[in-house]
Amino acid sequence: MPLYVPKSINLTINEEQVKVIFKEQDTNGDGRLSKEELSKTFEKLGSRNPGWRVRRSLHHADADGDGSISVDELEQL
């Protein structure tokens, strides 16, 4: 069952919850979230503009420039 968060609720997620979400959304099990996986993650979290959030996330956290977010890079988000 996907997580549904109404747009009007301010959601605070702790570090452990982020790691759980990361593992759930890493559908191919490679230890990285691709653009598609990131987009689906933001959609599940109720983002109004997941494409923009993906671009911003990659800009801030993709240290090696491979177009995905690893567990290590996740700390930057």
Protein backbone atom coordinates (compact mmCIF):
# COMPACT_ATOMS: atom_id res chain seq x y z
CA MET A 1 0.00 0.00 0.00
CA PRO A 2 1.54 3.32 -1.02
CA LEU A 3 2.08 6.05 1.53
CA TYR A 4 -0.52 8.78 1.12
CA VAL A 5 0.08 12.18 2.63
CA PRO A 6 -2.47 14.92 2.04
CA LYS A 7 -0.88 18.03 0.53
CA SER A 8 -1.95 20.18 3.49
CA ILE A 9 0.02 18.19 6.07
CA ASN A 10 3.58 19.12 6.94
CA LEU A 11 5.43 15.79 7.05
CA THR A 12 8.65 15.40 9.01
CA ILE A 13 10.64 12.26 8.27
CA ASN A 14 13.57 11.10 10.37
CA GLU A 15 16.77 9.52 9.06
CA GLU A 16 15.69 5.93 9.71
CA GLN A 17 12.41 6.48 7.87
CA VAL A 18 14.32 7.92 4.91
CA LYS A 19 16.52 4.81 4.77
CA VAL A 20 13.46 2.53 4.86
CA ILE A 21 11.84 4.52 2.04
CA PHE A 22 15.12 4.35 0.07
CA LYS A 23 15.25 0.56 0.35
CA GLU A 24 11.58 0.20 -0.60
CA GLN A 25 11.97 2.39 -3.68
CA ASP A 26 15.23 0.81 -4.88
CA THR A 27 13.24 -1.57 -7.08
CA ASN A 28 16.21 -3.08 -8.91
CA GLY A 29 18.25 -3.54 -5.72
CA ASP A 30 21.40 -1.82 -6.98
CA GLY A 31 21.78 0.40 -3.90
CA ARG A 32 20.98 3.54 -5.89
CA LEU A 33 17.84 5.50 -6.70
CA SER A 34 17.57 6.34 -10.39
CA LYS A 35 15.66 9.37 -11.65
CA GLU A 36 12.60 7.18 -12.17
CA GLU A 37 12.85 5.66 -8.69
CA LEU A 38 13.33 9.12 -7.15
CA SER A 39 10.31 10.44 -9.02
CA LYS A 40 8.12 7.60 -7.76
CA THR A 41 9.42 8.20 -4.24
CA PHE A 42 8.49 11.88 -4.30
CA GLU A 43 5.09 11.04 -5.78
CA LYS A 44 4.45 8.59 -2.91
CA LEU A 45 5.46 11.25 -0.42
CA GLY A 46 2.86 13.61 -1.91
CA SER A 47 5.14 15.98 -3.80
CA ARG A 48 3.29 18.46 -5.98
CA ASN A 49 6.16 18.58 -8.45
CA PRO A 50 8.24 15.39 -8.27
CA GLY A 51 10.22 16.18 -11.44
CA TRP A 52 11.51 19.42 -9.94
CA ARG A 53 12.38 17.64 -6.68
CA VAL A 54 14.30 14.96 -8.58
CA ARG A 55 16.36 17.60 -10.39
CA ARG A 56 17.07 19.46 -7.13
CA SER A 57 17.94 16.23 -5.31
CA LEU A 58 20.39 15.20 -8.00
CA HIS A 59 21.89 18.69 -8.05
CA HIS A 60 22.49 18.64 -4.29
CA ALA A 61 23.31 15.01 -3.58
CA ASP A 62 24.69 13.30 -6.71
CA ALA A 63 28.35 13.79 -5.82
CA ASP A 64 29.72 11.39 -8.43
CA GLY A 65 27.51 12.73 -11.24
CA ASP A 66 26.12 9.35 -12.31
CA GLY A 67 22.48 10.52 -12.37
CA SER A 68 21.39 8.54 -9.33
CA ILE A 69 21.50 8.78 -5.53
CA SER A 70 23.42 6.15 -3.57
CA VAL A 71 22.96 5.36 0.12
CA ASP A 72 26.08 7.39 0.89
CA GLU A 73 24.84 10.36 -1.14
CA LEU A 74 21.47 10.11 0.58
CA GLU A 75 23.01 11.81 3.60
CA GLN A 76 23.13 15.05 1.55
CA LEU A 77 19.35 15.07 1.16
